[in-house]
Amino acid sequence: AVKVSHHGSKNNTSLDLCRRIRAKNWLISTNGAQFKHPHPECLARIVVTQQKPVFHLNYVTDFTTDLIEGAGERYSVRLPRRLPDGSYSEGITVRLH
């Protein structure tokens, strides 16, 4: 698993770095409040260099909507636990085998 640098900033996860890494699971820890991360360009770099990556989010926000809705053939998304009221908890649990 890779913890994405600086909450998914486009300035901290280069295309060159993504080409050098092979990982299935990509952890994104941010609520997007200050810098509106994760940045779409950062996510795109991961998608084009990896074999069907899985993004693990610790928050569901307006800044992750496009990522979540675009999941399918190229990548997948794991979300925090859903609460009885339909909202999402904060945090993630990743089980690596």
Protein backbone atom coordinates (compact mmCIF):
# COMPACT_ATOMS: atom_id res chain seq x y z
CA ALA A 1 0.00 0.00 0.00
CA VAL A 2 1.06 3.59 -0.63
CA LYS A 3 -0.01 6.53 1.49
CA VAL A 4 -0.42 9.29 -1.12
CA SER A 5 1.84 12.26 -0.39
CA HIS A 6 0.43 15.46 1.06
CA HIS A 7 -3.20 14.27 0.93
CA GLY A 8 -3.22 13.95 -2.85
CA SER A 9 -1.56 17.22 -3.86
CA LYS A 10 -0.61 17.38 -7.54
CA ASN A 11 2.71 18.93 -6.52
CA ASN A 12 3.81 16.04 -4.29
CA THR A 13 3.02 12.93 -6.34
CA SER A 14 4.83 13.14 -9.66
CA LEU A 15 4.27 11.01 -12.73
CA ASP A 16 7.87 9.80 -12.39
CA LEU A 17 7.24 8.64 -8.81
CA CYS A 18 4.08 6.80 -9.84
CA ARG A 19 5.96 5.04 -12.64
CA ARG A 20 8.54 3.76 -10.13
CA ILE A 21 5.96 2.29 -7.75
CA ARG A 22 3.83 -0.83 -8.18
CA ALA A 23 1.03 -1.00 -5.65
CA LYS A 24 -2.58 -2.07 -5.63
CA ASN A 25 -3.77 0.02 -2.67
CA TRP A 26 -3.46 3.82 -2.47
CA LEU A 27 -4.44 5.50 0.80
CA ILE A 28 -5.73 9.07 0.71
CA SER A 29 -6.11 10.78 4.06
CA THR A 30 -7.79 14.16 3.81
CA ASN A 31 -11.10 15.87 4.38
CA GLY A 32 -10.25 18.44 1.69
CA ALA A 33 -11.07 21.35 3.99
CA GLN A 34 -7.96 23.47 3.52
CA PHE A 35 -6.53 22.59 0.11
CA LYS A 36 -9.45 20.77 -1.56
CA HIS A 37 -7.44 17.57 -1.96
CA PRO A 38 -7.16 15.05 -3.44
CA HIS A 39 -6.31 16.83 -6.67
CA PRO A 40 -7.66 15.17 -9.86
CA GLU A 41 -4.25 15.41 -11.55
CA CYS A 42 -2.60 13.42 -8.76
CA LEU A 43 -5.27 10.73 -9.01
CA ALA A 44 -4.94 10.58 -12.80
CA ARG A 45 -1.19 9.97 -12.50
CA ILE A 46 -1.88 6.98 -10.31
CA VAL A 47 -4.60 5.60 -12.58
CA VAL A 48 -2.48 5.80 -15.77
CA THR A 49 0.60 4.18 -14.22
CA GLN A 50 -0.97 1.40 -12.13
CA GLN A 51 -2.90 -1.77 -12.89
CA LYS A 52 -6.44 -1.08 -11.60
CA PRO A 53 -5.49 0.75 -8.37
CA VAL A 54 -7.78 0.79 -5.35
CA PHE A 55 -8.18 4.18 -3.66
CA HIS A 56 -8.98 4.01 0.06
CA LEU A 57 -10.60 7.22 1.33
CA ASN A 58 -10.90 8.26 4.96
CA TYR A 59 -13.57 10.87 4.17
CA VAL A 60 -16.34 11.22 1.60
CA THR A 61 -16.47 14.90 0.55
CA ASP A 62 -17.36 17.13 -2.37
CA PHE A 63 -13.71 16.74 -3.45
CA THR A 64 -14.00 12.96 -3.81
CA THR A 65 -17.35 12.82 -5.64
CA ASP A 66 -15.84 12.64 -9.15
CA LEU A 67 -13.37 9.96 -8.05
CA ILE A 68 -16.13 7.86 -6.53
CA GLU A 69 -18.49 8.27 -9.51
CA GLY A 70 -15.72 7.46 -12.01
CA ALA A 71 -14.77 4.14 -10.43
CA GLY A 72 -15.18 1.11 -12.62
CA GLU A 73 -12.95 -0.53 -15.18
CA ARG A 74 -9.78 1.58 -14.60
CA TYR A 75 -9.82 1.82 -10.78
CA SER A 76 -11.95 1.20 -7.71
CA VAL A 77 -12.67 3.11 -4.50
CA ARG A 78 -13.14 1.93 -0.94
CA LEU A 79 -15.07 4.23 1.37
CA PRO A 80 -15.35 4.57 5.13
CA ARG A 81 -18.06 2.60 6.88
CA ARG A 82 -21.60 3.74 6.12
CA LEU A 83 -23.63 4.85 9.11
CA PRO A 84 -27.34 4.07 9.70
CA ASP A 85 -28.32 7.63 8.72
CA GLY A 86 -26.66 7.20 5.29
CA SER A 87 -23.62 9.35 6.05
CA TYR A 88 -20.09 7.97 6.30
CA SER A 89 -17.84 7.52 9.29
CA GLU A 90 -14.36 9.02 9.28
CA GLY A 91 -11.26 6.89 8.92
CA ILE A 92 -10.41 3.73 7.06
CA THR A 93 -9.52 0.14 7.74
CA VAL A 94 -7.40 -1.59 5.14
CA ARG A 95 -6.85 -5.33 5.26
CA LEU A 96 -3.80 -6.34 3.28
CA HIS A 97 -3.29 -10.00 2.41
